[in-house]
Protein backbone atom coordinates (compact mmCIF):
# COMPACT_ATOMS: atom_id res chain seq x y z
CA MET A 1 -5.41 -22.50 -12.87
CA ILE A 2 -7.03 -20.10 -10.38
CA ARG A 3 -4.48 -21.12 -7.74
CA THR A 4 -1.74 -20.03 -10.12
CA TYR A 5 -3.13 -16.73 -11.37
CA PHE A 6 -5.22 -15.42 -8.48
CA PRO A 7 -2.22 -14.77 -6.19
CA LEU A 8 -0.36 -13.15 -9.08
CA VAL A 9 -3.31 -10.89 -9.91
CA LEU A 10 -3.60 -9.83 -6.26
CA ARG A 11 0.08 -8.90 -6.15
CA LEU A 12 -0.02 -7.06 -9.48
CA VAL A 13 -3.13 -5.07 -8.56
CA ALA A 14 -1.63 -3.98 -5.24
CA ALA A 15 1.76 -3.15 -6.81
CA ALA A 16 0.16 -1.22 -9.68
CA ILE A 17 -1.98 0.92 -7.38
CA LEU A 18 0.96 1.58 -5.05
CA ALA A 19 3.19 2.48 -7.99
CA GLN A 20 0.71 4.78 -9.73
CA THR A 21 0.47 7.05 -6.70
CA LEU A 22 4.23 7.59 -6.63
CA PHE A 23 4.20 10.19 -9.40
CA PHE A 24 1.81 12.36 -7.42
CA LYS A 25 3.72 12.02 -4.17
CA PHE A 26 7.17 12.61 -5.63
CA SER A 27 6.12 15.42 -7.98
CA GLY A 28 4.42 17.35 -5.19
CA ALA A 29 0.97 17.25 -6.78
CA GLU A 30 -1.50 19.66 -5.18
CA GLU A 31 -3.76 16.93 -3.77
CA SER A 32 -0.85 15.01 -2.21
CA VAL A 33 0.59 18.15 -0.65
CA TRP A 34 -2.85 19.10 0.72
CA ILE A 35 -3.38 15.63 2.22
CA PHE A 36 -0.08 15.65 4.06
CA GLN A 37 -0.58 19.25 5.19
CA GLN A 38 -3.83 18.12 6.83
CA LEU A 39 -1.89 15.33 8.53
CA GLY A 40 0.86 17.72 9.64
CA ALA A 41 3.44 15.66 7.78
CA GLU A 42 4.29 17.70 4.69
CA PRO A 43 6.79 17.16 3.00
CA TRP A 44 8.58 14.37 4.87
CA GLY A 45 5.49 12.25 5.46
CA ARG A 46 4.58 12.46 1.78
CA LEU A 47 8.07 11.54 0.63
CA GLY A 48 8.51 8.86 3.29
CA SER A 49 5.22 7.19 2.49
CA GLY A 50 6.11 7.37 -1.21
CA ILE A 51 9.39 5.57 -0.57
CA ALA A 52 7.62 2.96 1.59
CA GLU A 53 5.02 2.41 -1.15
CA LEU A 54 7.76 2.05 -3.77
CA VAL A 55 9.56 -0.58 -1.68
CA CYS A 56 6.30 -2.47 -1.07
CA ALA A 57 5.39 -2.39 -4.76
CA VAL A 58 8.78 -3.80 -5.80
CA LEU A 59 8.69 -6.51 -3.10
CA LEU A 60 5.20 -7.55 -4.20
CA LEU A 61 6.43 -8.23 -7.73
CA PHE A 62 8.69 -11.12 -6.73
CA PRO A 63 7.20 -14.31 -5.27
CA ARG A 64 10.05 -14.73 -2.78
CA THR A 65 9.55 -11.30 -1.25
CA ALA A 66 5.80 -10.93 -1.82
CA TRP A 67 4.98 -11.56 1.84
CA MET A 68 7.29 -8.71 2.87
CA GLY A 69 5.66 -6.36 0.38
CA ALA A 70 2.23 -7.45 1.54
CA LEU A 71 3.11 -6.88 5.19
CA GLY A 72 4.51 -3.44 4.39
CA GLY A 73 1.51 -2.66 2.21
CA LEU A 74 -0.82 -3.53 5.09
CA GLY A 75 1.06 -1.08 7.28
CA VAL A 76 1.13 1.75 4.76
CA MET A 77 -2.50 1.28 3.71
CA GLY A 78 -3.58 0.83 7.33
CA GLY A 79 -2.15 4.27 8.02
CA ALA A 80 -3.89 5.69 4.96
CA LEU A 81 -7.23 4.18 5.97
CA VAL A 82 -6.97 5.48 9.53
CA SER A 83 -6.08 8.93 8.17
CA HIS A 84 -9.10 8.87 5.87
CA LEU A 85 -11.49 7.68 8.55
CA PHE A 86 -10.39 10.02 11.33
CA ILE A 87 -8.83 13.10 9.71
CA LEU A 88 -9.33 13.46 5.96
CA GLY A 89 -12.71 11.90 5.39
CA VAL A 90 -13.58 9.28 2.80
CA GLU A 91 -13.84 11.89 0.05
CA VAL A 92 -10.77 14.06 -0.47
CA LYS A 93 -11.02 17.25 -2.50
CA GLY A 94 -13.99 16.01 -4.51
CA ASP A 95 -12.47 12.68 -5.60
CA GLY A 96 -15.68 10.79 -4.84
CA GLY A 97 -13.83 8.53 -2.40
CA LEU A 98 -11.44 7.16 -5.04
CA LEU A 99 -8.30 7.37 -2.87
CA PHE A 100 -10.11 5.69 0.01
CA PHE A 101 -11.41 2.94 -2.30
CA LEU A 102 -7.92 2.32 -3.75
CA ALA A 103 -6.48 2.08 -0.24
CA VAL A 104 -9.14 -0.51 0.66
CA VAL A 105 -8.36 -2.52 -2.49
CA VAL A 106 -4.61 -2.51 -1.76
CA PHE A 107 -5.24 -3.42 1.88
CA ILE A 108 -7.41 -6.40 0.88
CA CYS A 109 -4.98 -7.57 -1.82
CA CYS A 110 -2.08 -7.37 0.65
CA ALA A 111 -4.03 -9.13 3.41
CA VAL A 112 -4.93 -12.04 1.14
CA THR A 113 -1.38 -12.19 -0.27
CA LEU A 114 0.06 -12.31 3.23
CA TRP A 115 -2.41 -15.04 4.20
CA LEU A 116 -1.48 -17.10 1.13
CA ARG A 117 2.23 -16.68 1.87
CA ARG A 118 2.04 -17.06 5.64
CA GLY A 119 4.16 -20.22 5.51
CA GLU A 120 7.05 -18.30 3.95
CA MET A 121 6.75 -15.62 6.58
CA ARG A 122 6.76 -18.22 9.37
CA ALA A 123 9.81 -19.95 7.86
CA PHE A 124 11.65 -16.63 7.69
CA LEU A 125 10.77 -15.74 11.27
CA ALA A 126 11.83 -19.21 12.46
CA ARG A 127 15.24 -18.73 10.83
CA VAL A 128 15.70 -15.25 12.28
CA PHE A 129 14.44 -15.95 15.78
């Protein structure tokens, strides 16, 4: 039973966190704008990362494309984590480190999902190359 539901829970958690941040990125919420101003990437970085997160969230929902969403999620969250560690800090505008923590959770969920679906990724790469 755990082999059935654990991978699904990982994918749903990552997709839900990625999706819930979209409102703030696409609506131009003050915190999102501030973050991307600090990164020198406002507004295109904010909108681009929002689109990338949306694509990853959708791909994670379907078993066939979950490995693609997980790989993309690792990339997007890797960038977020590096930004937090080297530019923004763990705590952003008094959030108590929530954004950093959510990025870590998504990164871990995507890493485990990609590991569990590595055979599908290898099969795809073998067909393409």
